[in-house]
Amino acid sequence: MVQRADINSVLSDIRSLRSQMNQNQRVEQDQSVRGRIDGPRQVDQVQETTSFNDMLGKAVNTVNDVQKNASELRTAYDMGDPNVDITRVMIAAQKSSVSFEALTQVRNRVVKAYESIMNMPI
């Protein structure tokens, strides 16, 4: 004969476990808040500002990496790689296209700003 657990006892066990979990989460949250408020303050480190040239270079490199990734996925799909599906290829191609368009718009704005500065009367 198989012993079956009473549904009410199972439900009460689940409720008690849930209340213990909630209580442990509250204690952890309280400790983390207390640590942030009562703990020693960290000295903010001085961050060097990056130059516009560095930021633009990183943006170009990021766009280049996205385009390389899209090209590699496209080639793998064309070669019949079973791990690459068409949705990943299309999403990568769209990311590549959008990032290139954004970079082009930034370049256009920079050129426009440069031209307007150069055309200012002295």
PDB file of N, CA and C in Angstrom:
ATOM      1  N   MET A   1       0.833  -1.175   0.000  1.00  0.00           N
ATOM      2  CA  MET A   1       0.000   0.000   0.000  1.00  0.00           C
ATOM      3  C   MET A   1       0.891   1.257   0.000  1.00  0.00           C
ATOM      4  N   VAL A   2       0.599   2.190  -0.850  1.00  0.00           N
ATOM      5  CA  VAL A   2       1.365   3.414  -1.003  1.00  0.00           C
ATOM      6  C   VAL A   2       0.822   4.468  -0.067  1.00  0.00           C
ATOM      7  N   GLN A   3       1.733   5.103   0.675  1.00  0.00           N
ATOM      8  CA  GLN A   3       1.304   6.180   1.552  1.00  0.00           C
ATOM      9  C   GLN A   3       1.237   7.469   0.759  1.00  0.00           C
ATOM     10  N   ARG A   4       0.128   8.126   0.843  1.00  0.00           N
ATOM     11  CA  ARG A   4      -0.056   9.377   0.131  1.00  0.00           C
ATOM     12  C   ARG A   4      -0.049  10.516   1.128  1.00  0.00           C
ATOM     13  N   ALA A   5       0.607  11.583   0.751  1.00  0.00           N
ATOM     14  CA  ALA A   5       0.674  12.751   1.623  1.00  0.00           C
ATOM     15  C   ALA A   5      -0.636  13.507   1.546  1.00  0.00           C
ATOM     16  N   ASP A   6      -1.029  14.022   2.668  1.00  0.00           N
ATOM     17  CA  ASP A   6      -2.223  14.845   2.726  1.00  0.00           C
ATOM     18  C   ASP A   6      -1.941  16.169   2.032  1.00  0.00           C
ATOM     19  N   ILE A   7      -2.834  16.611   1.173  1.00  0.00           N
ATOM     20  CA  ILE A   7      -2.628  17.825   0.395  1.00  0.00           C
ATOM     21  C   ILE A   7      -2.480  19.044   1.290  1.00  0.00           C
ATOM     22  N   ASN A   8      -3.191  19.077   2.391  1.00  0.00           N
ATOM     23  CA  ASN A   8      -3.102  20.218   3.304  1.00  0.00           C
ATOM     24  C   ASN A   8      -1.725  20.300   3.950  1.00  0.00           C
ATOM     25  N   SER A   9      -1.138  19.163   4.301  1.00  0.00           N
ATOM     26  CA  SER A   9       0.197  19.191   4.911  1.00  0.00           C
ATOM     27  C   SER A   9       1.247  19.614   3.878  1.00  0.00           C
ATOM     28  N   VAL A  10       1.082  19.166   2.644  1.00  0.00           N
ATOM     29  CA  VAL A  10       2.006  19.567   1.585  1.00  0.00           C
ATOM     30  C   VAL A  10       1.913  21.061   1.342  1.00  0.00           C
ATOM     31  N   LEU A  11       0.703  21.591   1.273  1.00  0.00           N
ATOM     32  CA  LEU A  11       0.511  23.024   1.066  1.00  0.00           C
ATOM     33  C   LEU A  11       1.072  23.836   2.226  1.00  0.00           C
ATOM     34  N   SER A  12       0.887  23.355   3.456  1.00  0.00           N
ATOM     35  CA  SER A  12       1.431  24.092   4.600  1.00  0.00           C
ATOM     36  C   SER A  12       2.961  24.068   4.575  1.00  0.00           C
ATOM     37  N   ASP A  13       3.558  22.943   4.142  1.00  0.00           N
ATOM     38  CA  ASP A  13       5.014  22.886   4.015  1.00  0.00           C
ATOM     39  C   ASP A  13       5.508  23.874   2.963  1.00  0.00           C
ATOM     40  N   ILE A  14       4.818  23.964   1.851  1.00  0.00           N
ATOM     41  CA  ILE A  14       5.195  24.892   0.785  1.00  0.00           C
ATOM     42  C   ILE A  14       5.087  26.327   1.269  1.00  0.00           C
ATOM     43  N   ARG A  15       4.007  26.626   1.986  1.00  0.00           N
ATOM     44  CA  ARG A  15       3.830  27.990   2.504  1.00  0.00           C
ATOM     45  C   ARG A  15       4.922  28.355   3.501  1.00  0.00           C
ATOM     46  N   SER A  16       5.286  27.419   4.363  1.00  0.00           N
ATOM     47  CA  SER A  16       6.325  27.722   5.349  1.00  0.00           C
ATOM     48  C   SER A  16       7.678  27.926   4.659  1.00  0.00           C
ATOM     49  N   LEU A  17       7.979  27.108   3.644  1.00  0.00           N
ATOM     50  CA  LEU A  17       9.223  27.289   2.889  1.00  0.00           C
ATOM     51  C   LEU A  17       9.244  28.630   2.179  1.00  0.00           C
ATOM     52  N   ARG A  18       8.114  29.022   1.601  1.00  0.00           N
ATOM     53  CA  ARG A  18       8.033  30.298   0.909  1.00  0.00           C
ATOM     54  C   ARG A  18       8.225  31.456   1.876  1.00  0.00           C
ATOM     55  N   SER A  19       7.622  31.362   3.061  1.00  0.00           N
ATOM     56  CA  SER A  19       7.787  32.445   4.034  1.00  0.00           C
ATOM     57  C   SER A  19       9.228  32.522   4.520  1.00  0.00           C
ATOM     58  N   GLN A  20       9.904  31.372   4.676  1.00  0.00           N
ATOM     59  CA  GLN A  20      11.316  31.379   5.064  1.00  0.00           C
ATOM     60  C   GLN A  20      12.167  32.023   3.972  1.00  0.00           C
ATOM     61  N   MET A  21      11.879  31.705   2.713  1.00  0.00           N
ATOM     62  CA  MET A  21      12.628  32.302   1.606  1.00  0.00           C
ATOM     63  C   MET A  21      12.421  33.805   1.571  1.00  0.00           C
ATOM     64  N   ASN A  22      11.179  34.245   1.714  1.00  0.00           N
ATOM     65  CA  ASN A  22      10.897  35.684   1.708  1.00  0.00           C
ATOM     66  C   ASN A  22      11.595  36.388   2.855  1.00  0.00           C
ATOM     67  N   GLN A  23      11.616  35.747   4.033  1.00  0.00           N
ATOM     68  CA  GLN A  23      12.274  36.346   5.184  1.00  0.00           C
ATOM     69  C   GLN A  23      13.776  36.435   4.940  1.00  0.00           C
ATOM     70  N   ASN A  24      14.382  35.400   4.360  1.00  0.00           N
ATOM     71  CA  ASN A  24      15.812  35.436   4.067  1.00  0.00           C
ATOM     72  C   ASN A  24      16.138  36.522   3.039  1.00  0.00           C
ATOM     73  N   GLN A  25      15.265  36.690   2.045  1.00  0.00           N
ATOM     74  CA  GLN A  25      15.488  37.734   1.049  1.00  0.00           C
ATOM     75  C   GLN A  25      15.408  39.114   1.686  1.00  0.00           C
ATOM     76  N   ARG A  26      14.441  39.310   2.608  1.00  0.00           N
ATOM     77  CA  ARG A  26      14.317  40.602   3.282  1.00  0.00           C
ATOM     78  C   ARG A  26      15.555  40.893   4.126  1.00  0.00           C
ATOM     79  N   VAL A  27      16.067  39.873   4.807  1.00  0.00           N
ATOM     80  CA  VAL A  27      17.263  40.060   5.639  1.00  0.00           C
ATOM     81  C   VAL A  27      18.448  40.437   4.751  1.00  0.00           C
ATOM     82  N   GLU A  28      18.598  39.755   3.609  1.00  0.00           N
ATOM     83  CA  GLU A  28      19.701  40.067   2.695  1.00  0.00           C
ATOM     84  C   GLU A  28      19.573  41.483   2.145  1.00  0.00           C
ATOM     85  N   GLN A  29      18.363  41.884   1.796  1.00  0.00           N
ATOM     86  CA  GLN A  29      18.154  43.235   1.285  1.00  0.00           C
ATOM     87  C   GLN A  29      18.456  44.268   2.363  1.00  0.00           C
ATOM     88  N   ASP A  30      18.011  43.998   3.587  1.00  0.00           N
ATOM     89  CA  ASP A  30      18.282  44.926   4.682  1.00  0.00           C
ATOM     90  C   ASP A  30      19.780  45.054   4.921  1.00  0.00           C
ATOM     91  N   GLN A  31      20.489  43.940   4.866  1.00  0.00           N
ATOM     92  CA  GLN A  31      21.929  43.979   5.092  1.00  0.00           C
ATOM     93  C   GLN A  31      22.639  44.738   3.977  1.00  0.00           C
ATOM     94  N   SER A  32      22.182  44.548   2.747  1.00  0.00           N
ATOM     95  CA  SER A  32      22.843  45.262   1.654  1.00  0.00           C
ATOM     96  C   SER A  32      22.568  46.757   1.742  1.00  0.00           C
ATOM     97  N   VAL A  33      21.348  47.140   2.121  1.00  0.00           N
ATOM     98  CA  VAL A  33      21.025  48.561   2.272  1.00  0.00           C
ATOM     99  C   VAL A  33      21.809  49.138   3.441  1.00  0.00           C
ATOM    100  N   ARG A  34      21.850  48.406   4.552  1.00  0.00           N
ATOM    101  CA  ARG A  34      22.587  48.879   5.713  1.00  0.00           C
ATOM    102  C   ARG A  34      24.063  49.020   5.392  1.00  0.00           C
ATOM    103  N   GLY A  35      24.603  48.086   4.608  1.00  0.00           N
ATOM    104  CA  GLY A  35      26.003  48.165   4.238  1.00  0.00           C
ATOM    105  C   GLY A  35      26.291  49.381   3.380  1.00  0.00           C
ATOM    106  N   ARG A  36      25.348  49.730   2.521  1.00  0.00           N
ATOM    107  CA  ARG A  36      25.545  50.898   1.666  1.00  0.00           C
ATOM    108  C   ARG A  36      25.418  52.188   2.454  1.00  0.00           C
ATOM    109  N   ILE A  37      24.522  52.203   3.447  1.00  0.00           N
ATOM    110  CA  ILE A  37      24.294  53.425   4.203  1.00  0.00           C
ATOM    111  C   ILE A  37      25.330  53.573   5.318  1.00  0.00           C
ATOM    112  N   ASP A  38      25.538  52.504   6.094  1.00  0.00           N
ATOM    113  CA  ASP A  38      26.408  52.571   7.266  1.00  0.00           C
ATOM    114  C   ASP A  38      27.867  52.305   6.950  1.00  0.00           C
ATOM    115  N   GLY A  39      28.121  51.679   5.839  1.00  0.00           N
ATOM    116  CA  GLY A  39      29.486  51.295   5.512  1.00  0.00           C
ATOM    117  C   GLY A  39      30.355  52.487   5.186  1.00  0.00           C
ATOM    118  N   PRO A  40      31.657  52.257   5.161  1.00  0.00           N
ATOM    119  CA  PRO A  40      32.558  53.361   4.829  1.00  0.00           C
ATOM    120  C   PRO A  40      32.354  53.808   3.391  1.00  0.00           C
ATOM    121  N   ARG A  41      32.473  55.062   3.205  1.00  0.00           N
ATOM    122  CA  ARG A  41      32.305  55.596   1.859  1.00  0.00           C
ATOM    123  C   ARG A  41      33.586  55.401   1.077  1.00  0.00           C
ATOM    124  N   GLN A  42      33.404  55.003  -0.143  1.00  0.00           N
ATOM    125  CA  GLN A  42      34.560  54.806  -0.996  1.00  0.00           C
ATOM    126  C   GLN A  42      34.931  56.128  -1.647  1.00  0.00           C
ATOM    127  N   VAL A  43      36.208  56.335  -1.767  1.00  0.00           N
ATOM    128  CA  VAL A  43      36.685  57.540  -2.419  1.00  0.00           C
ATOM    129  C   VAL A  43      36.505  57.356  -3.918  1.00  0.00           C
ATOM    130  N   ASP A  44      35.855  58.307  -4.518  1.00  0.00           N
ATOM    131  CA  ASP A  44      35.654  58.231  -5.963  1.00  0.00           C
ATOM    132  C   ASP A  44      36.990  58.380  -6.668  1.00  0.00           C
ATOM    133  N   GLN A  45      37.240  57.469  -7.560  1.00  0.00           N
ATOM    134  CA  GLN A  45      38.474  57.543  -8.317  1.00  0.00           C
ATOM    135  C   GLN A  45      38.289  58.524  -9.461  1.00  0.00           C
ATOM    136  N   VAL A  46      39.332  59.243  -9.727  1.00  0.00           N
ATOM    137  CA  VAL A  46      39.287  60.200 -10.816  1.00  0.00           C
ATOM    138  C   VAL A  46      39.383  59.430 -12.125  1.00  0.00           C
ATOM    139  N   GLN A  47      38.394  59.627 -12.963  1.00  0.00           N
ATOM    140  CA  GLN A  47      38.391  58.939 -14.243  1.00  0.00           C
ATOM    141  C   GLN A  47      38.896  59.899 -15.312  1.00  0.00           C
ATOM    142  N   GLU A  48      39.772  59.372 -16.113  1.00  0.00           N
ATOM    143  CA  GLU A  48      40.274  60.192 -17.203  1.00  0.00           C
ATOM    144  C   GLU A  48      39.201  60.282 -18.275  1.00  0.00           C
ATOM    145  N   THR A  49      39.039  61.475 -18.806  1.00  0.00           N
ATOM    146  CA  THR A  49      38.077  61.632 -19.877  1.00  0.00           C
ATOM    147  C   THR A  49      38.726  61.182 -21.173  1.00  0.00           C
ATOM    148  N   THR A  50      37.950  60.461 -21.933  1.00  0.00           N
ATOM    149  CA  THR A  50      38.482  59.989 -23.203  1.00  0.00           C
ATOM    150  C   THR A  50      38.321  61.080 -24.246  1.00  0.00           C
ATOM    151  N   SER A  51      39.223  61.115 -25.162  1.00  0.00           N
ATOM    152  CA  SER A  51      39.159  62.132 -26.196  1.00  0.00           C
ATOM    153  C   SER A  51      38.129  61.724 -27.252  1.00  0.00           C
ATOM    154  N   PHE A  52      37.723  62.689 -28.000  1.00  0.00           N
ATOM    155  CA  PHE A  52      36.759  62.429 -29.064  1.00  0.00           C
ATOM    156  C   PHE A  52      37.341  61.458 -30.078  1.00  0.00           C
ATOM    157  N   ASN A  53      38.628  61.586 -30.337  1.00  0.00           N
ATOM    158  CA  ASN A  53      39.303  60.703 -31.274  1.00  0.00           C
ATOM    159  C   ASN A  53      39.218  59.252 -30.802  1.00  0.00           C
ATOM    160  N   ASP A  54      39.444  59.021 -29.501  1.00  0.00           N
ATOM    161  CA  ASP A  54      39.360  57.665 -28.960  1.00  0.00           C
ATOM    162  C   ASP A  54      37.941  57.114 -29.053  1.00  0.00           C
ATOM    163  N   MET A  55      36.958  57.961 -28.711  1.00  0.00           N
ATOM    164  CA  MET A  55      35.569  57.513 -28.770  1.00  0.00           C
ATOM    165  C   MET A  55      35.163  57.183 -30.196  1.00  0.00           C
ATOM    166  N   LEU A  56      35.560  58.010 -31.129  1.00  0.00           N
ATOM    167  CA  LEU A  56      35.222  57.759 -32.527  1.00  0.00           C
ATOM    168  C   LEU A  56      35.926  56.502 -33.027  1.00  0.00           C
ATOM    169  N   GLY A  57      37.172  56.312 -32.620  1.00  0.00           N
ATOM    170  CA  GLY A  57      37.900  55.108 -33.006  1.00  0.00           C
ATOM    171  C   GLY A  57      37.252  53.852 -32.465  1.00  0.00           C
ATOM    172  N   LYS A  58      36.796  53.905 -31.208  1.00  0.00           N
ATOM    173  CA  LYS A  58      36.104  52.749 -30.627  1.00  0.00           C
ATOM    174  C   LYS A  58      34.805  52.465 -31.373  1.00  0.00           C
ATOM    175  N   ALA A  59      34.094  53.521 -31.750  1.00  0.00           N
ATOM    176  CA  ALA A  59      32.842  53.338 -32.480  1.00  0.00           C
ATOM    177  C   ALA A  59      33.093  52.686 -33.838  1.00  0.00           C
ATOM    178  N   VAL A  60      34.121  53.138 -34.525  1.00  0.00           N
ATOM    179  CA  VAL A  60      34.447  52.551 -35.833  1.00  0.00           C
ATOM    180  C   VAL A  60      34.850  51.095 -35.669  1.00  0.00           C
ATOM    181  N   ASN A  61      35.652  50.798 -34.639  1.00  0.00           N
ATOM    182  CA  ASN A  61      36.063  49.420 -34.408  1.00  0.00           C
ATOM    183  C   ASN A  61      34.884  48.528 -34.041  1.00  0.00           C
ATOM    184  N   THR A  62      33.950  49.058 -33.276  1.00  0.00           N
ATOM    185  CA  THR A  62      32.765  48.289 -32.917  1.00  0.00           C
ATOM    186  C   THR A  62      31.922  47.980 -34.146  1.00  0.00           C
ATOM    187  N   VAL A  63      31.722  48.974 -34.989  1.00  0.00           N
ATOM    188  CA  VAL A  63      30.961  48.752 -36.222  1.00  0.00           C
ATOM    189  C   VAL A  63      31.675  47.737 -37.104  1.00  0.00           C
ATOM    190  N   ASN A  64      32.986  47.829 -37.176  1.00  0.00           N
ATOM    191  CA  ASN A  64      33.767  46.880 -37.960  1.00  0.00           C
ATOM    192  C   ASN A  64      33.592  45.460 -37.418  1.00  0.00           C
ATOM    193  N   ASP A  65      33.618  45.301 -36.080  1.00  0.00           N
ATOM    194  CA  ASP A  65      33.437  43.983 -35.482  1.00  0.00           C
ATOM    195  C   ASP A  65      32.049  43.421 -35.770  1.00  0.00           C
ATOM    196  N   VAL A  66      31.040  44.281 -35.692  1.00  0.00           N
ATOM    197  CA  VAL A  66      29.672  43.838 -35.980  1.00  0.00           C
ATOM    198  C   VAL A  66      29.554  43.396 -37.434  1.00  0.00           C
ATOM    199  N   GLN A  67      30.180  44.137 -38.347  1.00  0.00           N
ATOM    200  CA  GLN A  67      30.134  43.768 -39.755  1.00  0.00           C
ATOM    201  C   GLN A  67      30.891  42.476 -40.024  1.00  0.00           C
ATOM    202  N   LYS A  68      32.018  42.283 -39.353  1.00  0.00           N
ATOM    203  CA  LYS A  68      32.760  41.031 -39.509  1.00  0.00           C
ATOM    204  C   LYS A  68      31.946  39.847 -39.011  1.00  0.00           C
ATOM    205  N   ASN A  69      31.292  40.032 -37.868  1.00  0.00           N
ATOM    206  CA  ASN A  69      30.464  38.969 -37.312  1.00  0.00           C
ATOM    207  C   ASN A  69      29.335  38.604 -38.265  1.00  0.00           C
ATOM    208  N   ALA A  70      28.687  39.610 -38.835  1.00  0.00           N
ATOM    209  CA  ALA A  70      27.608  39.354 -39.784  1.00  0.00           C
ATOM    210  C   ALA A  70      28.133  38.632 -41.020  1.00  0.00           C
ATOM    211  N   SER A  71      29.291  39.029 -41.484  1.00  0.00           N
ATOM    212  CA  SER A  71      29.885  38.381 -42.657  1.00  0.00           C
ATOM    213  C   SER A  71      30.247  36.927 -42.352  1.00  0.00           C
ATOM    214  N   GLU A  72      30.812  36.685 -41.165  1.00  0.00           N
ATOM    215  CA  GLU A  72      31.171  35.314 -40.797  1.00  0.00           C
ATOM    216  C   GLU A  72      29.934  34.432 -40.671  1.00  0.00           C
ATOM    217  N   LEU A  73      28.878  34.969 -40.072  1.00  0.00           N
ATOM    218  CA  LEU A  73      27.641  34.190 -39.960  1.00  0.00           C
ATOM    219  C   LEU A  73      27.047  33.895 -41.333  1.00  0.00           C
ATOM    220  N   ARG A  74      27.069  34.894 -42.208  1.00  0.00           N
ATOM    221  CA  ARG A  74      26.543  34.702 -43.557  1.00  0.00           C
ATOM    222  C   ARG A  74      27.332  33.619 -44.294  1.00  0.00           C
ATOM    223  N   THR A  75      28.661  33.663 -44.169  1.00  0.00           N
ATOM    224  CA  THR A  75      29.504  32.672 -44.831  1.00  0.00           C
ATOM    225  C   THR A  75      29.250  31.285 -44.250  1.00  0.00           C
ATOM    226  N   ALA A  76      29.127  31.196 -42.927  1.00  0.00           N
ATOM    227  CA  ALA A  76      28.866  29.905 -42.298  1.00  0.00           C
ATOM    228  C   ALA A  76      27.520  29.349 -42.741  1.00  0.00           C
ATOM    229  N   TYR A  77      26.525  30.210 -42.858  1.00  0.00           N
ATOM    230  CA  TYR A  77      25.213  29.749 -43.319  1.00  0.00           C
ATOM    231  C   TYR A  77      25.286  29.283 -44.768  1.00  0.00           C
ATOM    232  N   ASP A  78      26.008  30.028 -45.591  1.00  0.00           N
ATOM    233  CA  ASP A  78      26.151  29.646 -46.997  1.00  0.00           C
ATOM    234  C   ASP A  78      26.885  28.319 -47.145  1.00  0.00           C
ATOM    235  N   MET A  79      27.821  28.047 -46.223  1.00  0.00           N
ATOM    236  CA  MET A  79      28.578  26.801 -46.280  1.00  0.00           C
ATOM    237  C   MET A  79      27.779  25.622 -45.722  1.00  0.00           C
ATOM    238  N   GLY A  80      26.623  25.892 -45.129  1.00  0.00           N
ATOM    239  CA  GLY A  80      25.762  24.821 -44.638  1.00  0.00           C
ATOM    240  C   GLY A  80      26.017  24.426 -43.193  1.00  0.00           C
ATOM    241  N   ASP A  81      26.567  25.317 -42.397  1.00  0.00           N
ATOM    242  CA  ASP A  81      26.815  25.017 -40.990  1.00  0.00           C
ATOM    243  C   ASP A  81      25.475  24.790 -40.289  1.00  0.00           C
ATOM    244  N   PRO A  82      25.279  23.634 -39.648  1.00  0.00           N
ATOM    245  CA  PRO A  82      23.986  23.360 -39.000  1.00  0.00           C
ATOM    246  C   PRO A  82      23.758  24.189 -37.726  1.00  0.00           C
ATOM    247  N   ASN A  83      24.800  24.780 -37.166  1.00  0.00           N
ATOM    248  CA  ASN A  83      24.651  25.574 -35.949  1.00  0.00           C
ATOM    249  C   ASN A  83      24.214  27.006 -36.219  1.00  0.00           C
ATOM    250  N   VAL A  84      24.179  27.397 -37.483  1.00  0.00           N
ATOM    251  CA  VAL A  84      23.812  28.762 -37.846  1.00  0.00           C
ATOM    252  C   VAL A  84      22.473  28.720 -38.579  1.00  0.00           C
ATOM    253  N   ASP A  85      21.490  29.404 -38.019  1.00  0.00           N
ATOM    254  CA  ASP A  85      20.201  29.459 -38.688  1.00  0.00           C
ATOM    255  C   ASP A  85      19.995  30.822 -39.340  1.00  0.00           C
ATOM    256  N   ILE A  86      19.019  30.888 -40.204  1.00  0.00           N
ATOM    257  CA  ILE A  86      18.795  32.089 -41.017  1.00  0.00           C
ATOM    258  C   ILE A  86      18.401  33.285 -40.155  1.00  0.00           C
ATOM    259  N   THR A  87      17.727  33.041 -39.027  1.00  0.00           N
ATOM    260  CA  THR A  87      17.315  34.170 -38.189  1.00  0.00           C
ATOM    261  C   THR A  87      18.526  34.872 -37.588  1.00  0.00           C
ATOM    262  N   ARG A  88      19.520  34.104 -37.125  1.00  0.00           N
ATOM    263  CA  ARG A  88      20.728  34.724 -36.591  1.00  0.00           C
ATOM    264  C   ARG A  88      21.453  35.522 -37.666  1.00  0.00           C
ATOM    265  N   VAL A  89      21.477  34.978 -38.884  1.00  0.00           N
ATOM    266  CA  VAL A  89      22.154  35.668 -39.987  1.00  0.00           C
ATOM    267  C   VAL A  89      21.446  36.976 -40.303  1.00  0.00           C
ATOM    268  N   MET A  90      20.130  36.942 -40.364  1.00  0.00           N
ATOM    269  CA  MET A  90      19.370  38.151 -40.696  1.00  0.00           C
ATOM    270  C   MET A  90      19.466  39.201 -39.586  1.00  0.00           C
ATOM    271  N   ILE A  91      19.432  38.760 -38.332  1.00  0.00           N
ATOM    272  CA  ILE A  91      19.553  39.714 -37.226  1.00  0.00           C
ATOM    273  C   ILE A  91      20.934  40.355 -37.232  1.00  0.00           C
ATOM    274  N   ALA A  92      21.962  39.552 -37.459  1.00  0.00           N
ATOM    275  CA  ALA A  92      23.324  40.098 -37.516  1.00  0.00           C
ATOM    276  C   ALA A  92      23.466  41.077 -38.680  1.00  0.00           C
ATOM    277  N   ALA A  93      22.845  40.759 -39.816  1.00  0.00           N
ATOM    278  CA  ALA A  93      22.911  41.661 -40.962  1.00  0.00           C
ATOM    279  C   ALA A  93      22.205  42.988 -40.665  1.00  0.00           C
ATOM    280  N   GLN A  94      21.074  42.923 -39.984  1.00  0.00           N
ATOM    281  CA  GLN A  94      20.352  44.147 -39.637  1.00  0.00           C
ATOM    282  C   GLN A  94      21.124  44.978 -38.614  1.00  0.00           C
ATOM    283  N   LYS A  95      21.737  44.300 -37.623  1.00  0.00           N
ATOM    284  CA  LYS A  95      22.560  45.026 -36.659  1.00  0.00           C
ATOM    285  C   LYS A  95      23.709  45.733 -37.369  1.00  0.00           C
ATOM    286  N   SER A  96      24.308  45.024 -38.313  1.00  0.00           N
ATOM    287  CA  SER A  96      25.411  45.599 -39.068  1.00  0.00           C
ATOM    288  C   SER A  96      24.952  46.819 -39.848  1.00  0.00           C
ATOM    289  N   SER A  97      23.809  46.700 -40.490  1.00  0.00           N
ATOM    290  CA  SER A  97      23.284  47.802 -41.282  1.00  0.00           C
ATOM    291  C   SER A  97      22.940  49.009 -40.413  1.00  0.00           C
ATOM    292  N   VAL A  98      22.279  48.765 -39.304  1.00  0.00           N
ATOM    293  CA  VAL A  98      21.880  49.861 -38.417  1.00  0.00           C
ATOM    294  C   VAL A  98      23.105  50.538 -37.813  1.00  0.00           C
ATOM    295  N   SER A  99      24.091  49.753 -37.384  1.00  0.00           N
ATOM    296  CA  SER A  99      25.280  50.363 -36.785  1.00  0.00           C
ATOM    297  C   SER A  99      26.061  51.169 -37.814  1.00  0.00           C
ATOM    298  N   PHE A 100      26.119  50.699 -39.058  1.00  0.00           N
ATOM    299  CA  PHE A 100      26.806  51.449 -40.092  1.00  0.00           C
ATOM    300  C   PHE A 100      26.075  52.744 -40.407  1.00  0.00           C
ATOM    301  N   GLU A 101      24.762  52.683 -40.467  1.00  0.00           N
ATOM    302  CA  GLU A 101      23.971  53.894 -40.717  1.00  0.00           C
ATOM    303  C   GLU A 101      24.157  54.904 -39.586  1.00  0.00           C
ATOM    304  N   ALA A 102      24.180  54.423 -38.342  1.00  0.00           N
ATOM    305  CA  ALA A 102      24.378  55.332 -37.207  1.00  0.00           C
ATOM    306  C   ALA A 102      25.753  55.978 -37.278  1.00  0.00           C
ATOM    307  N   LEU A 103      26.756  55.200 -37.614  1.00  0.00           N
ATOM    308  CA  LEU A 103      28.105  55.751 -37.730  1.00  0.00           C
ATOM    309  C   LEU A 103      28.175  56.772 -38.862  1.00  0.00           C
ATOM    310  N   THR A 104      27.488  56.498 -39.951  1.00  0.00           N
ATOM    311  CA  THR A 104      27.457  57.437 -41.066  1.00  0.00           C
ATOM    312  C   THR A 104      26.795  58.747 -40.649  1.00  0.00           C
ATOM    313  N   GLN A 105      25.719  58.657 -39.875  1.00  0.00           N
ATOM    314  CA  GLN A 105      25.043  59.866 -39.406  1.00  0.00           C
ATOM    315  C   GLN A 105      25.934  60.671 -38.464  1.00  0.00           C
ATOM    316  N   VAL A 106      26.668  59.977 -37.604  1.00  0.00           N
ATOM    317  CA  VAL A 106      27.593  60.677 -36.712  1.00  0.00           C
ATOM    318  C   VAL A 106      28.670  61.381 -37.525  1.00  0.00           C
ATOM    319  N   ARG A 107      29.198  60.670 -38.514  1.00  0.00           N
ATOM    320  CA  ARG A 107      30.224  61.287 -39.363  1.00  0.00           C
ATOM    321  C   ARG A 107      29.673  62.521 -40.065  1.00  0.00           C
ATOM    322  N   ASN A 108      28.463  62.430 -40.590  1.00  0.00           N
ATOM    323  CA  ASN A 108      27.856  63.564 -41.274  1.00  0.00           C
ATOM    324  C   ASN A 108      27.683  64.756 -40.334  1.00  0.00           C
ATOM    325  N   ARG A 109      27.267  64.481 -39.094  1.00  0.00           N
ATOM    326  CA  ARG A 109      27.095  65.564 -38.123  1.00  0.00           C
ATOM    327  C   ARG A 109      28.430  66.204 -37.774  1.00  0.00           C
ATOM    328  N   VAL A 110      29.465  65.388 -37.636  1.00  0.00           N
ATOM    329  CA  VAL A 110      30.786  65.920 -37.309  1.00  0.00           C
ATOM    330  C   VAL A 110      31.296  66.794 -38.447  1.00  0.00           C
ATOM    331  N   VAL A 111      31.124  66.334 -39.672  1.00  0.00           N
ATOM    332  CA  VAL A 111      31.569  67.117 -40.830  1.00  0.00           C
ATOM    333  C   VAL A 111      30.789  68.420 -40.912  1.00  0.00           C
ATOM    334  N   LYS A 112      29.476  68.347 -40.653  1.00  0.00           N
ATOM    335  CA  LYS A 112      28.643  69.554 -40.690  1.00  0.00           C
ATOM    336  C   LYS A 112      29.075  70.544 -39.617  1.00  0.00           C
ATOM    337  N   ALA A 113      29.362  70.050 -38.417  1.00  0.00           N
ATOM    338  CA  ALA A 113      29.822  70.932 -37.339  1.00  0.00           C
ATOM    339  C   ALA A 113      31.171  71.550 -37.687  1.00  0.00           C
ATOM    340  N   TYR A 114      32.067  70.765 -38.249  1.00  0.00           N
ATOM    341  CA  TYR A 114      33.375  71.273 -38.642  1.00  0.00           C
ATOM    342  C   TYR A 114      33.232  72.368 -39.699  1.00  0.00           C
ATOM    343  N   GLU A 115      32.374  72.132 -40.689  1.00  0.00           N
ATOM    344  CA  GLU A 115      32.168  73.125 -41.736  1.00  0.00           C
ATOM    345  C   GLU A 115      31.567  74.407 -41.170  1.00  0.00           C
ATOM    346  N   SER A 116      30.613  74.282 -40.248  1.00  0.00           N
ATOM    347  CA  SER A 116      30.000  75.478 -39.684  1.00  0.00           C
ATOM    348  C   SER A 116      31.017  76.252 -38.822  1.00  0.00           C
ATOM    349  N   ILE A 117      31.888  75.541 -38.131  1.00  0.00           N
ATOM    350  CA  ILE A 117      32.934  76.229 -37.363  1.00  0.00           C
ATOM    351  C   ILE A 117      33.914  76.922 -38.287  1.00  0.00           C
ATOM    352  N   MET A 118      34.289  76.276 -39.366  1.00  0.00           N
ATOM    353  CA  MET A 118      35.240  76.870 -40.305  1.00  0.00           C
ATOM    354  C   MET A 118      34.648  78.075 -41.045  1.00  0.00           C
ATOM    355  N   ASN A 119      33.338  78.102 -41.190  1.00  0.00           N
ATOM    356  CA  ASN A 119      32.696  79.217 -41.901  1.00  0.00           C
ATOM    357  C   ASN A 119      32.323  80.379 -40.985  1.00  0.00           C
ATOM    358  N   MET A 120      32.595  80.246 -39.688  1.00  0.00           N
ATOM    359  CA  MET A 120      32.313  81.344 -38.769  1.00  0.00           C
ATOM    360  C   MET A 120      33.222  82.522 -39.037  1.00  0.00           C
ATOM    361  N   PRO A 121      32.646  83.712 -38.981  1.00  0.00           N
ATOM    362  CA  PRO A 121      33.518  84.890 -39.139  1.00  0.00           C
ATOM    363  C   PRO A 121      34.332  85.123 -37.876  1.00  0.00           C
ATOM    364  N   ILE A 122      35.530  85.613 -38.088  1.00  0.00           N
ATOM    365  CA  ILE A 122      36.426  85.857 -36.950  1.00  0.00           C
ATOM    366  C   ILE A 122      36.317  87.292 -36.502  1.00  0.00           C
TER     367      ILE A 122
END
